[in-house]
Amino acid sequence: MKFAMCNEFCEKWPVEDAIRLARDVGYEGVEVAPFTIAGDVNQISPDRRDQIRSAAEEAGVEIIGLHWLLVGPKDVHMTTADDATRRRTQQYFLDLIGLCGDLGGDRMVIGSPKQRSVEPGSTYEQAWGRAIDLFKGLLPLAEEKGIVLCIEPLARTETDFIYTAAEGARMVDEIGHPNFRLHIDVKAMCDEGRPLDEVIRDGAGRVGHFHVNDANRNGPGWGDTDYGPIVQAVREIGYDDYASVEVFDFQYDPKRIAQSSLDFLQRAFA
């Protein structure tokens, strides 16, 4: 298992400083939230992209990809009945794929709960069909750039569209493309109310990325979530890529979040 950290808990830090923190603590990768660079991906110039990629190369840290994708732009939604909004959303995803490739990343986490929830007047299956069409339109460019799109099941308190690993796996199977995979996240999986090892096994053969945190929204090891079954199940399904630290409580010093989380992960996966 390799370990990465998401940069947004380094609140208001330049991305380069988060990359250097990752290096100093001992992470192999950094996962970037585009909104920490600019409110719109199209505002990130080619020169700025080169600067960020160069900083990572200099530090010997891999930029592994992007998450928190739709924070910033207005009027985007994946499952809306409004064709113009879906076209705009699809184009924005294509722009994000371009950024991911420019930074050297190879994966993008599709979370964005508010921008995918089923709108009034639509059924779940209608929303499902629209999402499938939107994602299929992204795959030629994703394949060209070598980027895997990972659908993230999220808690029912956040969205009413794809909130179990089984539903995420169903979407992966229906799309049937190697560049569309399942993302698993410990905090989100805790919402399912089932043993976490069972939830992880639902995604066997489909998992493209893995976020590690705690049910309490802090880093891994900061709460009561038992990582024993998680580690066992992740190994059983053969996932041995990046485990990326994503936290939602930014009140603590970023250095403490990064170091304590990595120390725990190294013990858990030893």
C-alpha atoms as a PDB file:
ATOM      1  CA  MET A   1       0.000   0.000   0.000  1.00  0.00           C
ATOM      2  CA  LYS A   2       1.186   3.501  -0.838  1.00  0.00           C
ATOM      3  CA  PHE A   3       0.063   6.542   1.130  1.00  0.00           C
ATOM      4  CA  ALA A   4      -1.025   9.976  -0.060  1.00  0.00           C
ATOM      5  CA  MET A   5      -2.649  13.008   1.553  1.00  0.00           C
ATOM      6  CA  CYS A   6      -5.307  15.348   0.236  1.00  0.00           C
ATOM      7  CA  ASN A   7      -4.188  18.968   0.191  1.00  0.00           C
ATOM      8  CA  GLU A   8      -7.329  20.789   1.342  1.00  0.00           C
ATOM      9  CA  PHE A   9      -6.674  20.251   5.055  1.00  0.00           C
ATOM     10  CA  CYS A  10      -3.654  22.524   4.537  1.00  0.00           C
ATOM     11  CA  GLU A  11      -6.227  25.281   4.503  1.00  0.00           C
ATOM     12  CA  LYS A  12      -5.192  28.383   2.520  1.00  0.00           C
ATOM     13  CA  TRP A  13      -1.706  26.977   1.906  1.00  0.00           C
ATOM     14  CA  PRO A  14      -0.269  27.171  -1.615  1.00  0.00           C
ATOM     15  CA  VAL A  15      -0.312  23.714  -3.178  1.00  0.00           C
ATOM     16  CA  GLU A  16       3.482  23.734  -3.250  1.00  0.00           C
ATOM     17  CA  ASP A  17       3.599  24.021   0.555  1.00  0.00           C
ATOM     18  CA  ALA A  18       1.242  21.035   0.925  1.00  0.00           C
ATOM     19  CA  ILE A  19       3.485  19.051  -1.415  1.00  0.00           C
ATOM     20  CA  ARG A  20       6.523  19.885   0.704  1.00  0.00           C
ATOM     21  CA  LEU A  21       4.652  18.883   3.862  1.00  0.00           C
ATOM     22  CA  ALA A  22       3.824  15.530   2.270  1.00  0.00           C
ATOM     23  CA  ARG A  23       7.490  15.034   1.427  1.00  0.00           C
ATOM     24  CA  ASP A  24       8.706  16.010   4.888  1.00  0.00           C
ATOM     25  CA  VAL A  25       6.230  13.706   6.673  1.00  0.00           C
ATOM     26  CA  GLY A  26       6.870  10.766   4.365  1.00  0.00           C
ATOM     27  CA  TYR A  27       3.902  10.492   1.997  1.00  0.00           C
ATOM     28  CA  GLU A  28       4.495   9.255  -1.529  1.00  0.00           C
ATOM     29  CA  GLY A  29       1.641  11.203  -3.098  1.00  0.00           C
ATOM     30  CA  VAL A  30      -0.599  14.257  -2.892  1.00  0.00           C
ATOM     31  CA  GLU A  31      -4.213  14.425  -4.053  1.00  0.00           C
ATOM     32  CA  VAL A  32      -5.326  17.890  -5.147  1.00  0.00           C
ATOM     33  CA  ALA A  33      -8.683  19.613  -4.712  1.00  0.00           C
ATOM     34  CA  PRO A  34      -8.883  22.039  -7.670  1.00  0.00           C
ATOM     35  CA  PHE A  35     -10.767  24.698  -5.668  1.00  0.00           C
ATOM     36  CA  THR A  36      -7.635  25.189  -3.556  1.00  0.00           C
ATOM     37  CA  ILE A  37      -5.915  26.522  -6.687  1.00  0.00           C
ATOM     38  CA  ALA A  38      -8.755  28.489  -8.318  1.00  0.00           C
ATOM     39  CA  GLY A  39     -12.531  28.730  -8.243  1.00  0.00           C
ATOM     40  CA  ASP A  40     -12.749  27.470 -11.809  1.00  0.00           C
ATOM     41  CA  VAL A  41     -10.373  25.000 -13.449  1.00  0.00           C
ATOM     42  CA  ASN A  42     -10.203  27.198 -16.535  1.00  0.00           C
ATOM     43  CA  GLN A  43      -8.619  29.954 -14.446  1.00  0.00           C
ATOM     44  CA  ILE A  44      -5.536  27.786 -13.860  1.00  0.00           C
ATOM     45  CA  SER A  45      -3.060  28.863 -16.522  1.00  0.00           C
ATOM     46  CA  PRO A  46      -0.621  26.519 -18.292  1.00  0.00           C
ATOM     47  CA  ASP A  47       2.247  28.220 -16.447  1.00  0.00           C
ATOM     48  CA  ARG A  48       0.591  27.617 -13.067  1.00  0.00           C
ATOM     49  CA  ARG A  49       0.012  23.969 -13.936  1.00  0.00           C
ATOM     50  CA  ASP A  50       3.680  23.602 -14.882  1.00  0.00           C
ATOM     51  CA  GLN A  51       4.734  25.235 -11.604  1.00  0.00           C
ATOM     52  CA  ILE A  52       2.693  22.793  -9.520  1.00  0.00           C
ATOM     53  CA  ARG A  53       3.862  19.755 -11.455  1.00  0.00           C
ATOM     54  CA  SER A  54       7.475  20.904 -11.224  1.00  0.00           C
ATOM     55  CA  ALA A  55       7.155  21.414  -7.463  1.00  0.00           C
ATOM     56  CA  ALA A  56       5.964  17.832  -7.067  1.00  0.00           C
ATOM     57  CA  GLU A  57       8.745  16.461  -9.250  1.00  0.00           C
ATOM     58  CA  GLU A  58      11.299  18.478  -7.311  1.00  0.00           C
ATOM     59  CA  ALA A  59       9.971  17.151  -4.013  1.00  0.00           C
ATOM     60  CA  GLY A  60       9.866  13.577  -5.254  1.00  0.00           C
ATOM     61  CA  VAL A  61       6.137  13.378  -4.484  1.00  0.00           C
ATOM     62  CA  GLU A  62       3.559  12.150  -6.999  1.00  0.00           C
ATOM     63  CA  ILE A  63       0.434  14.189  -7.719  1.00  0.00           C
ATOM     64  CA  ILE A  64      -1.914  11.247  -7.900  1.00  0.00           C
ATOM     65  CA  GLY A  65      -5.089  12.999  -9.030  1.00  0.00           C
ATOM     66  CA  LEU A  66      -8.043  15.230  -8.165  1.00  0.00           C
ATOM     67  CA  HIS A  67     -11.074  15.197  -5.866  1.00  0.00           C
ATOM     68  CA  TRP A  68     -13.716  17.695  -4.646  1.00  0.00           C
ATOM     69  CA  LEU A  69     -14.226  18.325  -8.341  1.00  0.00           C
ATOM     70  CA  LEU A  70     -17.305  20.553  -8.534  1.00  0.00           C
ATOM     71  CA  VAL A  71     -16.515  23.005  -5.726  1.00  0.00           C
ATOM     72  CA  GLY A  72     -16.444  26.431  -7.368  1.00  0.00           C
ATOM     73  CA  PRO A  73     -18.348  26.494 -10.651  1.00  0.00           C
ATOM     74  CA  LYS A  74     -22.000  27.456 -10.569  1.00  0.00           C
ATOM     75  CA  ASP A  75     -24.909  25.775 -12.333  1.00  0.00           C
ATOM     76  CA  VAL A  76     -23.390  22.324 -12.762  1.00  0.00           C
ATOM     77  CA  HIS A  77     -25.285  19.121 -12.043  1.00  0.00           C
ATOM     78  CA  MET A  78     -24.768  15.539 -13.213  1.00  0.00           C
ATOM     79  CA  THR A  79     -28.308  14.163 -13.165  1.00  0.00           C
ATOM     80  CA  THR A  80     -30.539  17.161 -13.880  1.00  0.00           C
ATOM     81  CA  ALA A  81     -33.217  16.966 -16.549  1.00  0.00           C
ATOM     82  CA  ASP A  82     -31.897  20.239 -17.992  1.00  0.00           C
ATOM     83  CA  ASP A  83     -29.842  19.304 -21.052  1.00  0.00           C
ATOM     84  CA  ALA A  84     -27.867  22.560 -21.138  1.00  0.00           C
ATOM     85  CA  THR A  85     -26.765  22.156 -17.525  1.00  0.00           C
ATOM     86  CA  ARG A  86     -25.667  18.557 -18.121  1.00  0.00           C
ATOM     87  CA  ARG A  87     -23.695  19.595 -21.214  1.00  0.00           C
ATOM     88  CA  ARG A  88     -22.030  22.354 -19.206  1.00  0.00           C
ATOM     89  CA  THR A  89     -21.234  19.873 -16.443  1.00  0.00           C
ATOM     90  CA  GLN A  90     -19.809  17.360 -18.886  1.00  0.00           C
ATOM     91  CA  GLN A  91     -17.579  20.018 -20.427  1.00  0.00           C
ATOM     92  CA  TYR A  92     -16.351  21.036 -16.985  1.00  0.00           C
ATOM     93  CA  PHE A  93     -15.434  17.428 -16.255  1.00  0.00           C
ATOM     94  CA  LEU A  94     -13.511  17.330 -19.532  1.00  0.00           C
ATOM     95  CA  ASP A  95     -11.660  20.459 -18.439  1.00  0.00           C
ATOM     96  CA  LEU A  96     -10.855  18.761 -15.129  1.00  0.00           C
ATOM     97  CA  ILE A  97      -9.484  15.735 -16.964  1.00  0.00           C
ATOM     98  CA  GLY A  98      -7.182  18.138 -18.793  1.00  0.00           C
ATOM     99  CA  LEU A  99      -5.973  19.612 -15.489  1.00  0.00           C
ATOM    100  CA  CYS A 100      -5.437  16.177 -13.986  1.00  0.00           C
ATOM    101  CA  GLY A 101      -3.311  15.138 -16.935  1.00  0.00           C
ATOM    102  CA  ASP A 102      -1.336  18.391 -16.868  1.00  0.00           C
ATOM    103  CA  LEU A 103      -0.482  17.857 -13.189  1.00  0.00           C
ATOM    104  CA  GLY A 104       0.584  14.258 -13.792  1.00  0.00           C
ATOM    105  CA  GLY A 105      -2.387  12.617 -12.047  1.00  0.00           C
ATOM    106  CA  ASP A 106      -4.065   9.392 -13.111  1.00  0.00           C
ATOM    107  CA  ARG A 107      -7.354   9.390 -11.139  1.00  0.00           C
ATOM    108  CA  MET A 108     -10.321  11.633 -10.346  1.00  0.00           C
ATOM    109  CA  VAL A 109     -12.815  11.062  -7.541  1.00  0.00           C
ATOM    110  CA  ILE A 110     -16.416  11.847  -8.489  1.00  0.00           C
ATOM    111  CA  GLY A 111     -18.087  12.856  -5.241  1.00  0.00           C
ATOM    112  CA  SER A 112     -19.946  16.183  -5.360  1.00  0.00           C
ATOM    113  CA  PRO A 113     -23.137  15.071  -3.534  1.00  0.00           C
ATOM    114  CA  LYS A 114     -25.176  18.212  -4.121  1.00  0.00           C
ATOM    115  CA  GLN A 115     -24.396  18.208  -7.822  1.00  0.00           C
ATOM    116  CA  ARG A 116     -25.689  14.688  -8.385  1.00  0.00           C
ATOM    117  CA  SER A 117     -28.681  14.262  -6.056  1.00  0.00           C
ATOM    118  CA  VAL A 118     -31.995  13.413  -7.680  1.00  0.00           C
ATOM    119  CA  GLU A 119     -33.880  16.619  -8.435  1.00  0.00           C
ATOM    120  CA  PRO A 120     -37.620  17.042  -7.753  1.00  0.00           C
ATOM    121  CA  GLY A 121     -39.613  15.733 -10.685  1.00  0.00           C
ATOM    122  CA  SER A 122     -37.041  13.076 -11.611  1.00  0.00           C
ATOM    123  CA  THR A 123     -36.923   9.417 -10.620  1.00  0.00           C
ATOM    124  CA  TYR A 124     -33.797   7.631  -9.433  1.00  0.00           C
ATOM    125  CA  GLU A 125     -33.598   5.609 -12.630  1.00  0.00           C
ATOM    126  CA  GLN A 126     -33.929   8.733 -14.796  1.00  0.00           C
ATOM    127  CA  ALA A 127     -31.071  10.317 -12.846  1.00  0.00           C
ATOM    128  CA  TRP A 128     -29.108   7.087 -13.252  1.00  0.00           C
ATOM    129  CA  GLY A 129     -29.502   7.094 -17.017  1.00  0.00           C
ATOM    130  CA  ARG A 130     -28.441  10.725 -17.310  1.00  0.00           C
ATOM    131  CA  ALA A 131     -25.363  10.117 -15.173  1.00  0.00           C
ATOM    132  CA  ILE A 132     -24.407   7.092 -17.277  1.00  0.00           C
ATOM    133  CA  ASP A 133     -24.654   9.141 -20.474  1.00  0.00           C
ATOM    134  CA  LEU A 134     -22.611  11.984 -18.985  1.00  0.00           C
ATOM    135  CA  PHE A 135     -19.834   9.690 -17.745  1.00  0.00           C
ATOM    136  CA  LYS A 136     -19.652   7.728 -20.989  1.00  0.00           C
ATOM    137  CA  GLY A 137     -19.007  11.008 -22.803  1.00  0.00           C
ATOM    138  CA  LEU A 138     -15.920  11.573 -20.636  1.00  0.00           C
ATOM    139  CA  LEU A 139     -14.281   8.223 -21.209  1.00  0.00           C
ATOM    140  CA  PRO A 140     -12.594   8.779 -24.606  1.00  0.00           C
ATOM    141  CA  LEU A 141     -10.572  11.704 -23.200  1.00  0.00           C
ATOM    142  CA  ALA A 142      -9.975   9.927 -19.887  1.00  0.00           C
ATOM    143  CA  GLU A 143      -8.605   6.916 -21.749  1.00  0.00           C
ATOM    144  CA  GLU A 144      -6.433   9.130 -23.956  1.00  0.00           C
ATOM    145  CA  LYS A 145      -4.973  10.865 -20.877  1.00  0.00           C
ATOM    146  CA  GLY A 146      -4.602   7.655 -18.850  1.00  0.00           C
ATOM    147  CA  ILE A 147      -6.985   8.855 -16.127  1.00  0.00           C
ATOM    148  CA  VAL A 148      -9.415   6.669 -14.193  1.00  0.00           C
ATOM    149  CA  LEU A 149     -12.731   8.218 -13.140  1.00  0.00           C
ATOM    150  CA  CYS A 150     -13.819   6.857  -9.749  1.00  0.00           C
ATOM    151  CA  ILE A 151     -17.438   7.119  -8.630  1.00  0.00           C
ATOM    152  CA  GLU A 152     -17.686   7.704  -4.880  1.00  0.00           C
ATOM    153  CA  PRO A 153     -20.662   6.403  -2.890  1.00  0.00           C
ATOM    154  CA  LEU A 154     -21.461   8.970  -0.197  1.00  0.00           C
ATOM    155  CA  ALA A 155     -23.497   9.007   3.005  1.00  0.00           C
ATOM    156  CA  ARG A 156     -27.275   9.300   2.817  1.00  0.00           C
ATOM    157  CA  THR A 157     -26.983  12.501   4.850  1.00  0.00           C
ATOM    158  CA  GLU A 158     -25.142  14.005   1.871  1.00  0.00           C
ATOM    159  CA  THR A 159     -26.899  12.624  -1.203  1.00  0.00           C
ATOM    160  CA  ASP A 160     -29.738  10.392  -2.335  1.00  0.00           C
ATOM    161  CA  PHE A 161     -27.859   9.162  -5.412  1.00  0.00           C
ATOM    162  CA  ILE A 162     -25.318   6.302  -5.080  1.00  0.00           C
ATOM    163  CA  TYR A 163     -24.910   5.937  -1.336  1.00  0.00           C
ATOM    164  CA  THR A 164     -23.735   2.320  -1.144  1.00  0.00           C
ATOM    165  CA  ALA A 165     -20.701   0.537  -2.527  1.00  0.00           C
ATOM    166  CA  ALA A 166     -23.056  -1.954  -4.175  1.00  0.00           C
ATOM    167  CA  GLU A 167     -24.726   0.851  -6.164  1.00  0.00           C
ATOM    168  CA  GLY A 168     -21.339   2.248  -7.132  1.00  0.00           C
ATOM    169  CA  ALA A 169     -20.296  -1.222  -8.285  1.00  0.00           C
ATOM    170  CA  ARG A 170     -23.515  -1.511 -10.321  1.00  0.00           C
ATOM    171  CA  MET A 171     -22.668   1.707 -12.140  1.00  0.00           C
ATOM    172  CA  VAL A 172     -19.119   0.506 -12.824  1.00  0.00           C
ATOM    173  CA  ASP A 173     -20.481  -2.757 -14.235  1.00  0.00           C
ATOM    174  CA  GLU A 174     -23.069  -1.010 -16.383  1.00  0.00           C
ATOM    175  CA  ILE A 175     -20.541   1.412 -17.883  1.00  0.00           C
ATOM    176  CA  GLY A 176     -18.081  -1.439 -18.395  1.00  0.00           C
ATOM    177  CA  HIS A 177     -14.961   0.587 -19.159  1.00  0.00           C
ATOM    178  CA  PRO A 178     -11.508   0.166 -17.548  1.00  0.00           C
ATOM    179  CA  ASN A 179     -11.249   3.926 -16.981  1.00  0.00           C
ATOM    180  CA  PHE A 180     -14.401   4.014 -14.845  1.00  0.00           C
ATOM    181  CA  ARG A 181     -13.952   2.487 -11.401  1.00  0.00           C
ATOM    182  CA  LEU A 182     -15.299   2.519  -7.847  1.00  0.00           C
ATOM    183  CA  HIS A 183     -13.978   4.755  -5.097  1.00  0.00           C
ATOM    184  CA  ILE A 184     -14.237   3.628  -1.467  1.00  0.00           C
ATOM    185  CA  ASP A 185     -14.100   6.019   1.497  1.00  0.00           C
ATOM    186  CA  VAL A 186     -14.051   4.879   5.130  1.00  0.00           C
ATOM    187  CA  LYS A 187     -16.251   7.690   6.483  1.00  0.00           C
ATOM    188  CA  ALA A 188     -18.850   7.142   3.764  1.00  0.00           C
ATOM    189  CA  MET A 189     -18.811   3.362   4.163  1.00  0.00           C
ATOM    190  CA  CYS A 190     -19.528   3.749   7.884  1.00  0.00           C
ATOM    191  CA  ASP A 191     -22.935   5.194   6.913  1.00  0.00           C
ATOM    192  CA  GLU A 192     -24.044   1.880   5.425  1.00  0.00           C
ATOM    193  CA  GLY A 193     -24.538   0.336   8.873  1.00  0.00           C
ATOM    194  CA  ARG A 194     -22.873  -2.930   7.848  1.00  0.00           C
ATOM    195  CA  PRO A 195     -19.462  -4.408   8.663  1.00  0.00           C
ATOM    196  CA  LEU A 196     -16.920  -2.447   6.651  1.00  0.00           C
ATOM    197  CA  ASP A 197     -15.208  -5.551   5.338  1.00  0.00           C
ATOM    198  CA  GLU A 198     -18.536  -6.619   3.763  1.00  0.00           C
ATOM    199  CA  VAL A 199     -18.941  -3.199   2.150  1.00  0.00           C
ATOM    200  CA  ILE A 200     -15.425  -3.346   0.704  1.00  0.00           C
ATOM    201  CA  ARG A 201     -15.988  -6.826  -0.700  1.00  0.00           C
ATOM    202  CA  ASP A 202     -18.990  -5.458  -2.613  1.00  0.00           C
ATOM    203  CA  GLY A 203     -16.447  -3.581  -4.715  1.00  0.00           C
ATOM    204  CA  ALA A 204     -14.116  -6.502  -5.395  1.00  0.00           C
ATOM    205  CA  GLY A 205     -12.465  -6.209  -8.803  1.00  0.00           C
ATOM    206  CA  ARG A 206     -13.704  -2.661  -9.312  1.00  0.00           C
ATOM    207  CA  VAL A 207     -11.894  -0.395  -6.823  1.00  0.00           C
ATOM    208  CA  GLY A 208      -9.825   2.374  -8.382  1.00  0.00           C
ATOM    209  CA  HIS A 209      -9.059   4.541  -5.347  1.00  0.00           C
ATOM    210  CA  PHE A 210      -9.341   4.583  -1.564  1.00  0.00           C
ATOM    211  CA  HIS A 211      -9.825   7.439   0.932  1.00  0.00           C
ATOM    212  CA  VAL A 212      -8.870   6.795   4.543  1.00  0.00           C
ATOM    213  CA  ASN A 213     -10.372   8.758   7.422  1.00  0.00           C
ATOM    214  CA  ASP A 214     -12.609   8.074  10.421  1.00  0.00           C
ATOM    215  CA  ALA A 215     -16.353   8.056  10.986  1.00  0.00           C
ATOM    216  CA  ASN A 216     -15.800  11.195  13.090  1.00  0.00           C
ATOM    217  CA  ARG A 217     -14.569  13.075   9.954  1.00  0.00           C
ATOM    218  CA  ASN A 218     -10.999  13.277  11.226  1.00  0.00           C
ATOM    219  CA  GLY A 219      -7.950  11.390  10.041  1.00  0.00           C
ATOM    220  CA  PRO A 220      -7.511   7.611  10.242  1.00  0.00           C
ATOM    221  CA  GLY A 221      -6.784   6.581  13.807  1.00  0.00           C
ATOM    222  CA  TRP A 222      -8.364   9.743  15.244  1.00  0.00           C
ATOM    223  CA  GLY A 223     -11.560   7.999  16.303  1.00  0.00           C
ATOM    224  CA  ASP A 224     -13.084   4.615  17.049  1.00  0.00           C
ATOM    225  CA  THR A 225     -13.219   3.124  13.545  1.00  0.00           C
ATOM    226  CA  ASP A 226     -11.633  -0.334  13.624  1.00  0.00           C
ATOM    227  CA  TYR A 227      -9.139  -0.610  10.775  1.00  0.00           C
ATOM    228  CA  GLY A 228      -8.459  -4.314  11.267  1.00  0.00           C
ATOM    229  CA  PRO A 229     -11.351  -5.516   9.071  1.00  0.00           C
ATOM    230  CA  ILE A 230     -10.702  -2.677   6.604  1.00  0.00           C
ATOM    231  CA  VAL A 231      -7.074  -3.675   6.071  1.00  0.00           C
ATOM    232  CA  GLN A 232      -7.995  -7.352   5.784  1.00  0.00           C
ATOM    233  CA  ALA A 233     -10.738  -6.724   3.222  1.00  0.00           C
ATOM    234  CA  VAL A 234      -8.667  -4.323   1.121  1.00  0.00           C
ATOM    235  CA  ARG A 235      -5.970  -6.971   0.919  1.00  0.00           C
ATOM    236  CA  GLU A 236      -8.506  -9.678   0.080  1.00  0.00           C
ATOM    237  CA  ILE A 237      -9.851  -7.753  -2.912  1.00  0.00           C
ATOM    238  CA  GLY A 238      -6.296  -7.161  -4.131  1.00  0.00           C
ATOM    239  CA  TYR A 239      -6.194  -3.378  -3.848  1.00  0.00           C
ATOM    240  CA  ASP A 240      -2.589  -2.278  -3.278  1.00  0.00           C
ATOM    241  CA  ASP A 241      -2.486   1.225  -4.773  1.00  0.00           C
ATOM    242  CA  TYR A 242      -2.834   4.514  -2.849  1.00  0.00           C
ATOM    243  CA  ALA A 243      -4.661   5.014   0.430  1.00  0.00           C
ATOM    244  CA  SER A 244      -5.205   8.761   0.564  1.00  0.00           C
ATOM    245  CA  VAL A 245      -5.877  10.694   3.786  1.00  0.00           C
ATOM    246  CA  GLU A 246      -8.951  12.917   3.483  1.00  0.00           C
ATOM    247  CA  VAL A 247     -10.236  14.775   6.548  1.00  0.00           C
ATOM    248  CA  PHE A 248     -13.089  17.214   7.029  1.00  0.00           C
ATOM    249  CA  ASP A 249     -12.197  18.798  10.361  1.00  0.00           C
ATOM    250  CA  PHE A 250      -9.595  21.467   9.709  1.00  0.00           C
ATOM    251  CA  GLN A 251      -9.282  22.789  13.262  1.00  0.00           C
ATOM    252  CA  TYR A 252      -5.991  20.969  13.868  1.00  0.00           C
ATOM    253  CA  ASP A 253      -2.557  21.904  12.597  1.00  0.00           C
ATOM    254  CA  PRO A 254      -1.975  20.380   9.139  1.00  0.00           C
ATOM    255  CA  LYS A 255       1.386  18.993  10.232  1.00  0.00           C
ATOM    256  CA  ARG A 256      -0.289  17.152  13.101  1.00  0.00           C
ATOM    257  CA  ILE A 257      -3.034  15.789  10.828  1.00  0.00           C
ATOM    258  CA  ALA A 258      -0.514  14.591   8.262  1.00  0.00           C
ATOM    259  CA  GLN A 259       1.963  13.024  10.679  1.00  0.00           C
ATOM    260  CA  SER A 260      -0.507  11.362  13.042  1.00  0.00           C
ATOM    261  CA  SER A 261      -2.526   9.917  10.154  1.00  0.00           C
ATOM    262  CA  LEU A 262       0.520   8.496   8.411  1.00  0.00           C
ATOM    263  CA  ASP A 263       1.907   7.020  11.621  1.00  0.00           C
ATOM    264  CA  PHE A 264      -1.396   5.217  12.173  1.00  0.00           C
ATOM    265  CA  LEU A 265      -1.620   3.939   8.588  1.00  0.00           C
ATOM    266  CA  GLN A 266       1.903   2.579   8.655  1.00  0.00           C
ATOM    267  CA  ARG A 267       1.052   0.608  11.811  1.00  0.00           C
ATOM    268  CA  ALA A 268      -2.335  -0.530  10.487  1.00  0.00           C
ATOM    269  CA  PHE A 269      -0.956  -1.812   7.176  1.00  0.00           C
ATOM    270  CA  ALA A 270       2.331  -3.157   8.558  1.00  0.00           C
END
